[in-house]
C-alpha cells in the first residue's frame, strides 16, 4: 500500500460512508467523504486524492457521470465504482469506460484490499512526480497537462510540444527525457532557427566525418526546437531521412535500424503553417504522434504566487539576498499583468525585483517599476460577466440557427428580456441564420 495514500469516498448513504471510512482509516489511509458527485468534485478541486471510490447509483450525478467529469479534469485519477445494484452490464459499461474496478455491495474485504492496492500502484500522483517537481502549479489545466505528459514520457512515441514563447517547451522536453525509458541515453537539441546551411550540417552531417544527428542520437532522443522555422527544402530532406532510417515514430523499431525518439517544439500553429504551405503535412504527422500543449501564464494566473515563491527560493539558493517574501500588493500586481513573455518574463521580472530590494519584502512599487504599462490580463467582474453574456448569446443563436424566439427559449428567458440583452451586446440574430 502507498504510504498515507489519500482516498475520497462518495456515496449518498451516510451510514455506509462512516463505516467504510472507519475501516479504511484503521488500515492507514487518509480518507475524505462526499455525499454527492457535486461535493466530490469540489473536494477534488481543493485537494487531489490518490483514488476515488464512488457509488454507482446516486441522485443528480451517478458514479459514471462523476467518473466522466474526473476524466475530463483530472486525467489518470483512478476511480473504483461500488453498487448494491450490480449487474453484468453495469460492470462491463464501467470498465469499458475506463473505471479501474467495479465492486458489488456488500463489499468483500479482500476484494477491496486488492482493488485498492492495484489502483494505487498505478496512481498518477506517483507516476508524474518528476514532472510535478519541474512544473510548479496549482492550475487545473496545467495539472492535466502534467498528468498527460507523465504517460507520454513512459511510452516511446514522438512528441510535439506546443505553446507560446516562454511557456516552458524546452523544459518540458528535458523533463520528458528525464522521465523516459531513455533517461540514461543521449539528448540532443537542435535549434531549427539556425541559418539554413548550418542547420543542414547539424541534421545531416557534412559528408567529411561529422555524422548526421540521427547517428549521434541513436538510442536516445532528438529535440527539434522551433521546428516551424525549418526551411521547406530541409523539411523534405528530413522526411526522407526519417523514412530511410525508419526513425521511431510509434514505438516500433526493426532490428539493425537507427532508434531515435523525436521531440519537437513550436510556438507557431503548425496546422496553420500547413494551410499556408510553409510546413509539410507528412512531416507534421511524423512528429505529432502525441501532442502536449502548454498553457500561457495568462491561463494560469493562480500560479503566480507559487511561482514567485519558487523563483525566490531558487534565487536565494544561488545568491545572497535579504528578501524573504513578496507583499500581498506586489503579488496582486503580478496577477493583473498581461505577461506576453509568459514564465520566462515572470522569471526575469522577479529576479530583477529581488536584486533591487534591500529589505525582506518585495514592495509593489518595485514590481510596477519593472512591468511594462500594458493592458491588464485579469478582467474586472463586470468585464468578465459581459464577455460571458455575449459569448453565451452568440452560442445560443448558433444553436438555434439565428432564430431569436427559439434562442430565448433555450436560454430560459422571455423574448423581451432576450432582445434587450441582444441590443446591449450589439448581437444581431440575422448573422447566425442557417
Protein backbone atom coordinates (compact mmCIF):
# COMPACT_ATOMS: atom_id res chain seq x y z
CA UNK A 1 0.00 0.00 0.00
CA UNK A 2 1.18 3.54 -0.70
CA UNK A 3 2.21 5.29 2.49
CA UNK A 4 -0.61 7.53 3.68
CA UNK A 5 -2.50 7.22 0.38
CA UNK A 6 -5.46 9.59 0.26
CA UNK A 7 -8.92 8.29 -0.67
CA UNK A 8 -12.16 10.10 -1.47
CA UNK A 9 -15.32 8.06 -0.76
CA UNK A 10 -18.54 9.16 -2.49
CA UNK A 11 -21.95 7.74 -1.54
CA UNK A 12 -25.37 9.19 -0.72
CA UNK A 13 -25.62 6.67 2.16
CA UNK A 14 -24.01 8.45 5.12
CA UNK A 15 -24.03 5.30 7.30
CA UNK A 16 -22.07 3.30 4.76
CA UNK A 17 -19.65 6.19 4.28
CA UNK A 18 -18.99 6.27 8.01
CA UNK A 19 -18.40 2.52 8.32
CA UNK A 20 -16.18 2.32 5.24
CA UNK A 21 -14.26 5.40 6.33
CA UNK A 22 -13.53 3.90 9.76
CA UNK A 23 -12.35 0.63 8.20
CA UNK A 24 -10.00 2.34 5.72
CA UNK A 25 -8.61 4.81 8.25
CA UNK A 26 -7.75 1.88 10.52
CA UNK A 27 -5.71 0.45 7.64
CA UNK A 28 -3.63 3.62 7.34
CA UNK A 29 -5.42 5.54 4.59
CA UNK A 30 -6.25 9.23 4.67
CA UNK A 31 -10.00 9.38 3.99
CA UNK A 32 -12.39 12.17 2.99
CA UNK A 33 -16.07 11.65 2.21
CA UNK A 34 -18.70 13.25 -0.01
CA UNK A 35 -22.46 12.68 -0.14
CA UNK A 36 -22.82 13.62 -3.82
CA UNK A 37 -20.91 13.84 -7.07
CA UNK A 38 -21.03 17.63 -6.95
CA UNK A 39 -19.49 17.71 -3.47
CA UNK A 40 -16.85 15.20 -4.61
CA UNK A 41 -15.75 17.44 -7.49
CA UNK A 42 -15.41 20.38 -5.10
CA UNK A 43 -13.24 18.31 -2.73
CA UNK A 44 -11.01 17.10 -5.59
CA UNK A 45 -10.60 20.70 -6.73
CA UNK A 46 -9.39 21.61 -3.24
CA UNK A 47 -7.01 18.66 -2.91
CA UNK A 48 -6.48 15.88 -5.42
CA UNK A 49 -6.75 12.42 -3.80
CA UNK A 50 -4.83 9.33 -4.90
CA UNK A 51 -8.05 7.43 -5.61
CA UNK A 52 -11.84 7.91 -5.71
CA UNK A 53 -14.37 5.26 -4.66
CA UNK A 54 -17.92 6.13 -5.72
CA UNK A 55 -21.35 4.56 -5.51
CA UNK A 56 -22.89 3.89 -8.92
CA UNK A 57 -26.49 4.86 -8.12
CA UNK A 58 -26.78 8.43 -6.81
CA UNK A 59 -29.26 11.23 -7.45
CA UNK A 60 -28.36 14.10 -9.83
CA UNK A 61 -24.90 12.73 -10.72
CA UNK A 62 -24.31 8.97 -10.69
CA UNK A 63 -20.94 7.25 -10.38
CA UNK A 64 -20.26 7.03 -14.11
CA UNK A 65 -21.18 10.69 -14.65
CA UNK A 66 -18.80 11.59 -11.82
CA UNK A 67 -16.11 9.46 -13.45
CA UNK A 68 -16.61 11.27 -16.78
CA UNK A 69 -16.07 14.63 -15.05
CA UNK A 70 -12.97 13.33 -13.29
CA UNK A 71 -11.52 12.05 -16.57
CA UNK A 72 -12.04 15.43 -18.21
CA UNK A 73 -10.45 17.40 -15.38
CA UNK A 74 -8.02 15.01 -13.65
CA UNK A 75 -6.91 12.51 -16.27
CA UNK A 76 -5.34 9.46 -14.68
CA UNK A 77 -7.03 9.70 -11.28
CA UNK A 78 -8.18 6.08 -10.65
CA UNK A 79 -11.87 5.51 -9.85
CA UNK A 80 -13.46 2.43 -8.28
CA UNK A 81 -17.24 2.08 -8.64
CA UNK A 82 -19.37 0.47 -5.89
CA UNK A 83 -23.00 -0.59 -6.16
CA UNK A 84 -25.64 -2.65 -4.42
CA UNK A 85 -27.43 -2.97 -7.76
CA UNK A 86 -24.58 -4.56 -9.68
CA UNK A 87 -25.29 -6.31 -12.95
CA UNK A 88 -23.04 -7.70 -15.66
CA UNK A 89 -23.98 -4.84 -17.98
CA UNK A 90 -23.11 -2.24 -15.30
CA UNK A 91 -19.71 -3.80 -14.75
CA UNK A 92 -18.97 -4.03 -18.49
CA UNK A 93 -20.08 -0.42 -19.04
CA UNK A 94 -17.99 0.85 -16.13
CA UNK A 95 -14.78 -0.98 -17.03
CA UNK A 96 -15.05 -0.21 -20.75
CA UNK A 97 -15.38 3.48 -19.99
CA UNK A 98 -12.10 3.39 -18.08
CA UNK A 99 -13.23 2.86 -14.49
CA UNK A 100 -10.42 0.99 -12.75
CA UNK A 101 -12.56 -1.54 -10.88
CA UNK A 102 -16.17 -2.46 -10.08
CA UNK A 103 -17.11 -3.73 -6.60
CA UNK A 104 -20.53 -5.07 -5.57
CA UNK A 105 -22.01 -4.30 -2.15
CA UNK A 106 -21.69 -5.68 0.46
CA UNK A 107 -18.02 -5.11 -0.28
CA UNK A 108 -15.73 -8.07 0.33
CA UNK A 109 -12.77 -7.04 2.48
CA UNK A 110 -10.21 -8.99 0.43
CA UNK A 111 -11.55 -7.77 -2.93
CA UNK A 112 -11.44 -4.20 -1.68
CA UNK A 113 -7.86 -4.53 -0.44
CA UNK A 114 -6.74 -6.00 -3.76
CA UNK A 115 -8.54 -3.34 -5.82
CA UNK A 116 -7.05 -0.52 -3.74
CA UNK A 117 -3.54 -1.95 -3.95
CA UNK A 118 -3.68 -2.39 -7.74
CA UNK A 119 -5.26 1.02 -8.39
CA UNK A 120 -2.87 2.92 -6.14
CA UNK A 121 0.09 1.20 -7.78
CA UNK A 122 -0.91 2.98 -10.99
CA UNK A 123 -1.93 6.27 -9.39
CA UNK A 124 -0.81 9.29 -11.38
CA UNK A 125 0.32 11.01 -8.18
CA UNK A 126 3.36 8.68 -8.16
CA UNK A 127 3.85 8.46 -11.91
CA UNK A 128 4.30 12.18 -12.60
CA UNK A 129 6.38 13.06 -9.55
CA UNK A 130 9.33 14.23 -11.68
CA UNK A 131 7.15 16.42 -13.89
CA UNK A 132 5.33 17.75 -10.83
CA UNK A 133 8.65 18.95 -9.40
CA UNK A 134 9.74 20.53 -12.69
CA UNK A 135 6.49 22.47 -13.16
CA UNK A 136 5.23 24.19 -10.02
CA UNK A 137 1.46 24.64 -10.38
CA UNK A 138 -1.97 24.55 -8.77
CA UNK A 139 -3.76 25.37 -12.02
CA UNK A 140 -6.17 22.56 -13.09
CA UNK A 141 -5.26 22.99 -16.79
CA UNK A 142 -1.54 22.68 -16.04
CA UNK A 143 -2.11 19.72 -13.71
CA UNK A 144 -3.96 17.93 -16.52
CA UNK A 145 -1.06 18.70 -18.87
CA UNK A 146 1.44 17.25 -16.40
CA UNK A 147 -0.64 14.09 -15.96
CA UNK A 148 -0.87 13.66 -19.73
CA UNK A 149 2.87 14.24 -20.12
CA UNK A 150 3.67 11.66 -17.43
CA UNK A 151 2.07 8.93 -19.52
CA UNK A 152 3.59 10.13 -22.77
CA UNK A 153 7.06 10.15 -21.18
CA UNK A 154 6.87 6.45 -20.36
CA UNK A 155 5.83 5.48 -23.89
CA UNK A 156 8.28 5.60 -26.77
CA UNK A 157 6.40 7.72 -29.29
CA UNK A 158 7.32 11.02 -30.93
CA UNK A 159 6.01 14.15 -29.20
CA UNK A 160 5.14 17.65 -30.43
CA UNK A 161 5.19 20.29 -27.68
CA UNK A 162 3.26 23.47 -28.46
CA UNK A 163 2.77 26.73 -26.61
CA UNK A 164 3.58 30.44 -26.69
CA UNK A 165 7.14 31.69 -26.31
CA UNK A 166 8.31 31.40 -22.71
CA UNK A 167 5.80 28.74 -21.57
CA UNK A 168 8.49 26.12 -20.90
CA UNK A 169 8.63 23.95 -24.03
CA UNK A 170 12.35 23.21 -23.70
CA UNK A 171 11.98 22.40 -20.01
CA UNK A 172 9.13 20.04 -20.86
CA UNK A 173 11.28 18.25 -23.45
CA UNK A 174 14.16 17.90 -20.98
CA UNK A 175 11.82 16.65 -18.25
CA UNK A 176 10.17 14.13 -20.58
CA UNK A 177 13.65 12.81 -21.38
CA UNK A 178 14.49 12.54 -17.66
CA UNK A 179 11.26 10.58 -17.03
CA UNK A 180 11.51 8.36 -20.12
CA UNK A 181 12.97 4.91 -20.62
CA UNK A 182 15.83 6.67 -22.46
CA UNK A 183 16.85 8.80 -19.47
CA UNK A 184 20.37 7.31 -19.49
CA UNK A 185 20.79 7.85 -23.25
CA UNK A 186 21.82 10.95 -25.18
CA UNK A 187 19.56 14.02 -25.54
CA UNK A 188 20.49 16.22 -28.49
CA UNK A 189 18.83 19.62 -29.00
CA UNK A 190 18.80 21.31 -32.40
CA UNK A 191 17.61 24.92 -32.80
CA UNK A 192 15.78 24.96 -36.13
CA UNK A 193 16.17 28.75 -36.32
CA UNK A 194 19.83 28.28 -37.29
CA UNK A 195 20.97 29.59 -40.66
CA UNK A 196 19.95 27.01 -43.29
CA UNK A 197 23.45 25.81 -44.17
CA UNK A 198 24.45 25.30 -40.53
CA UNK A 199 21.14 23.58 -39.78
CA UNK A 200 21.61 21.20 -42.71
CA UNK A 201 25.05 20.16 -41.44
CA UNK A 202 23.72 19.69 -37.89
CA UNK A 203 20.90 17.48 -39.14
CA UNK A 204 22.50 15.51 -41.93
CA UNK A 205 26.27 15.76 -41.38
CA UNK A 206 28.90 17.27 -43.66
CA UNK A 207 29.99 14.15 -45.55
CA UNK A 208 33.51 14.62 -44.17
CA UNK A 209 33.33 12.84 -40.85
CA UNK A 210 30.69 14.84 -38.97
CA UNK A 211 27.86 12.34 -38.55
CA UNK A 212 24.17 13.03 -39.03
CA UNK A 213 22.18 13.84 -35.91
CA UNK A 214 20.33 10.52 -36.29
CA UNK A 215 23.57 8.60 -35.93
CA UNK A 216 24.66 10.74 -33.00
CA UNK A 217 21.28 10.35 -31.26
CA UNK A 218 20.91 6.61 -31.91
CA UNK A 219 19.25 5.04 -28.86
CA UNK A 220 18.35 8.43 -27.40
CA UNK A 221 16.23 11.49 -28.06
CA UNK A 222 16.47 14.25 -30.67
CA UNK A 223 14.79 17.53 -29.76
CA UNK A 224 13.93 19.83 -32.70
CA UNK A 225 13.25 23.23 -31.13
CA UNK A 226 11.02 25.69 -33.06
CA UNK A 227 10.63 23.18 -35.87
CA UNK A 228 8.32 25.53 -37.81
CA UNK A 229 11.37 27.66 -38.64
CA UNK A 230 12.97 24.85 -40.66
CA UNK A 231 13.13 25.72 -44.42
CA UNK A 232 10.86 23.64 -46.65
CA UNK A 233 13.79 22.12 -48.52
CA UNK A 234 15.25 20.77 -45.27
CA UNK A 235 11.80 19.58 -44.16
CA UNK A 236 11.69 17.40 -47.27
CA UNK A 237 15.17 16.08 -46.61
CA UNK A 238 14.19 15.37 -43.00
CA UNK A 239 11.18 13.32 -44.13
CA UNK A 240 13.43 11.34 -46.47
CA UNK A 241 15.84 10.65 -43.61
CA UNK A 242 13.01 9.55 -41.33
CA UNK A 243 11.79 7.14 -43.99
CA UNK A 244 15.29 5.89 -44.80
CA UNK A 245 16.34 5.32 -41.21
CA UNK A 246 12.85 4.29 -40.08
CA UNK A 247 13.30 6.55 -37.09
CA UNK A 248 10.95 5.56 -34.30
CA UNK A 249 7.54 7.23 -34.74
CA UNK A 250 5.17 4.84 -32.96
CA UNK A 251 7.50 2.97 -30.64
CA UNK A 252 8.32 0.22 -33.17
CA UNK A 253 11.92 -0.25 -34.33
CA UNK A 254 13.14 -3.03 -36.59
CA UNK A 255 16.41 -4.76 -35.75
CA UNK A 256 19.52 -3.13 -37.21
CA UNK A 257 17.91 0.27 -37.80
CA UNK A 258 18.57 3.54 -36.04
CA UNK A 259 16.41 4.04 -32.98
CA UNK A 260 15.73 7.71 -32.28
CA UNK A 261 12.77 9.16 -30.42
CA UNK A 262 11.93 12.68 -31.61
CA UNK A 263 10.63 15.56 -29.52
CA UNK A 264 9.81 18.78 -31.36
CA UNK A 265 8.50 22.16 -30.24
CA UNK A 266 6.75 25.08 -31.89
CA UNK A 267 5.21 28.33 -30.78
CA UNK A 268 3.56 28.59 -34.20
CA UNK A 269 0.36 26.74 -35.09
CA UNK A 270 1.65 24.03 -37.43
CA UNK A 271 -1.84 23.35 -38.81
CA UNK A 272 -1.98 26.98 -39.96
CA UNK A 273 1.56 26.63 -41.30
CA UNK A 274 0.45 23.61 -43.34
CA UNK A 275 -2.52 25.56 -44.71
CA UNK A 276 -0.14 28.39 -45.68
CA UNK A 277 2.21 25.92 -47.38
CA UNK A 278 5.16 26.60 -45.06
CA UNK A 279 5.16 23.25 -43.29
CA UNK A 280 4.95 19.77 -44.79
CA UNK A 281 1.94 17.67 -43.89
CA UNK A 282 3.88 14.37 -43.98
CA UNK A 283 6.46 15.76 -41.57
CA UNK A 284 3.72 17.07 -39.24
CA UNK A 285 2.17 13.64 -38.85
CA UNK A 286 5.54 12.00 -38.23
CA UNK A 287 6.31 14.47 -35.43
CA UNK A 288 2.83 14.90 -33.93
CA UNK A 289 2.14 11.34 -32.75
CA UNK A 290 1.38 12.80 -29.32
CA UNK A 291 0.83 16.47 -28.54
CA UNK A 292 1.48 18.38 -25.32
CA UNK A 293 0.05 21.90 -25.29
CA UNK A 294 1.40 24.21 -22.58
CA UNK A 295 -0.98 26.92 -21.32
CA UNK A 296 0.15 30.53 -21.27
CA UNK A 297 0.73 32.32 -17.98
CA UNK A 298 -2.47 34.30 -18.66
CA UNK A 299 -4.33 30.98 -18.46
CA UNK A 300 -2.75 30.07 -15.12
CA UNK A 301 -2.69 33.34 -13.19
CA UNK A 302 -3.47 31.47 -9.96
CA UNK A 303 0.04 30.01 -10.24
CA UNK A 304 1.78 33.37 -9.87
CA UNK A 305 2.04 33.29 -6.03
CA UNK A 306 3.51 29.75 -6.01
CA UNK A 307 5.80 30.53 -8.94
CA UNK A 308 7.02 33.69 -7.19
CA UNK A 309 7.81 31.68 -4.06
CA UNK A 310 9.65 29.04 -6.12
CA UNK A 311 11.65 31.66 -8.05
CA UNK A 312 12.64 33.39 -4.80
CA UNK A 313 13.75 30.06 -3.31
CA UNK A 314 15.85 29.30 -6.41
CA UNK A 315 17.39 32.80 -6.42
CA UNK A 316 18.24 32.63 -2.71
CA UNK A 317 19.98 29.27 -3.18
CA UNK A 318 22.40 30.84 -5.70
CA UNK A 319 22.85 34.42 -4.46
CA UNK A 320 22.83 36.31 -1.18
CA UNK A 321 19.60 38.22 -0.60
CA UNK A 322 17.65 39.72 2.30
CA UNK A 323 14.33 39.08 0.55
CA UNK A 324 12.06 36.52 2.21
CA UNK A 325 8.69 37.24 0.57
CA UNK A 326 6.56 39.44 -1.70
CA UNK A 327 3.97 41.84 -0.33
CA UNK A 328 0.34 40.91 -0.99
CA UNK A 329 0.02 44.10 -3.09
CA UNK A 330 3.05 43.04 -5.17
CA UNK A 331 1.51 39.61 -5.82
CA UNK A 332 -1.81 41.22 -6.78
CA UNK A 333 0.04 43.50 -9.20
CA UNK A 334 1.82 40.50 -10.74
CA UNK A 335 -1.50 38.68 -11.14
CA UNK A 336 -3.04 41.52 -13.16
CA UNK A 337 -0.19 41.90 -15.68
CA UNK A 338 -0.60 40.56 -19.23
CA UNK A 339 2.69 38.56 -19.40
CA UNK A 340 3.28 38.28 -23.16
CA UNK A 341 6.61 36.60 -22.38
CA UNK A 342 4.98 34.08 -20.03
CA UNK A 343 7.06 32.21 -17.43
CA UNK A 344 10.36 33.45 -18.88
CA UNK A 345 9.26 37.07 -18.48
CA UNK A 346 8.00 36.39 -14.94
CA UNK A 347 11.41 34.95 -14.01
CA UNK A 348 13.21 38.00 -15.39
CA UNK A 349 10.93 40.50 -13.63
CA UNK A 350 11.08 38.72 -10.27
CA UNK A 351 14.84 38.22 -10.34
CA UNK A 352 15.29 41.93 -11.08
CA UNK A 353 12.85 42.82 -8.29
CA UNK A 354 14.68 40.63 -5.79
CA UNK A 355 18.06 42.07 -6.76
CA UNK A 356 16.76 45.65 -6.39
CA UNK A 357 15.14 45.06 -3.00
CA UNK A 358 17.17 45.91 0.10
CA UNK A 359 14.58 44.76 2.66
CA UNK A 360 12.96 41.41 3.48
CA UNK A 361 9.81 42.08 1.40
CA UNK A 362 9.49 43.00 -2.29
CA UNK A 363 7.19 46.03 -2.47
CA UNK A 364 4.53 46.70 -5.07
CA UNK A 365 6.36 49.85 -6.20
CA UNK A 366 9.34 47.75 -7.29
CA UNK A 367 7.11 45.44 -9.32
CA UNK A 368 5.32 48.35 -11.01
CA UNK A 369 8.66 49.88 -11.94
CA UNK A 370 9.67 46.70 -13.78
CA UNK A 371 6.38 45.90 -15.51
CA UNK A 372 5.60 47.48 -18.88
CA UNK A 373 2.41 49.52 -18.97
CA UNK A 374 0.20 47.04 -20.79
CA UNK A 375 -3.44 46.13 -20.55
CA UNK A 376 -4.32 44.02 -17.51
CA UNK A 377 -4.79 40.31 -18.22
CA UNK A 378 -7.22 39.98 -15.33
CA UNK A 379 -10.70 41.30 -16.11
CA UNK A 380 -12.99 43.04 -13.65
CA UNK A 381 -16.12 41.17 -12.59
CA UNK A 382 -18.24 43.38 -14.87
CA UNK A 383 -15.92 42.76 -17.83
CA UNK A 384 -15.93 39.02 -17.20
CA UNK A 385 -19.73 38.92 -16.92
CA UNK A 386 -20.20 40.95 -20.12
CA UNK A 387 -17.80 38.70 -22.01
CA UNK A 388 -19.60 35.59 -20.81
CA UNK A 389 -23.04 37.01 -21.67
CA UNK A 390 -22.01 38.00 -25.19
CA UNK A 391 -20.32 34.63 -25.85
CA UNK A 392 -23.40 32.84 -24.49
CA UNK A 393 -25.77 34.83 -26.71
CA UNK A 394 -23.71 34.03 -29.79
CA UNK A 395 -23.55 30.36 -28.89
CA UNK A 396 -27.30 30.03 -28.31
CA UNK A 397 -28.03 31.87 -31.59
CA UNK A 398 -25.75 29.49 -33.45
CA UNK A 399 -27.60 26.55 -31.88
CA UNK A 400 -30.95 27.99 -32.93
CA UNK A 401 -29.80 28.92 -36.43
CA UNK A 402 -30.39 32.62 -35.76
CA UNK A 403 -33.98 32.06 -34.55
CA UNK A 404 -34.26 34.58 -31.69
CA UNK A 405 -37.54 33.12 -30.37
CA UNK A 406 -36.03 29.62 -30.11
CA UNK A 407 -32.80 31.05 -28.71
CA UNK A 408 -34.78 32.81 -25.96
CA UNK A 409 -36.46 29.51 -25.06
CA UNK A 410 -33.11 27.72 -24.94
CA UNK A 411 -31.75 30.47 -22.68
CA UNK A 412 -34.77 30.28 -20.39
CA UNK A 413 -35.62 33.98 -20.88
CA UNK A 414 -38.72 35.72 -22.20
CA UNK A 415 -38.33 37.31 -25.63
CA UNK A 416 -38.43 40.90 -24.34
CA UNK A 417 -35.54 40.36 -21.93
CA UNK A 418 -33.64 38.34 -24.52
CA UNK A 419 -33.90 41.12 -27.13
CA UNK A 420 -32.70 43.65 -24.53
CA UNK A 421 -29.61 41.50 -23.97
CA UNK A 422 -29.01 41.27 -27.71
CA UNK A 423 -29.18 45.05 -28.09
CA UNK A 424 -26.94 45.64 -25.07
CA UNK A 425 -24.22 43.41 -26.51
CA UNK A 426 -24.80 44.53 -30.13
CA UNK A 427 -25.53 40.99 -31.34
CA UNK A 428 -27.63 40.57 -34.49
CA UNK A 429 -29.59 37.26 -34.80
CA UNK A 430 -29.61 37.53 -38.59
CA UNK A 431 -25.84 36.97 -38.67
CA UNK A 432 -26.35 33.42 -37.42
CA UNK A 433 -29.20 32.26 -39.62
CA UNK A 434 -28.56 28.94 -41.30
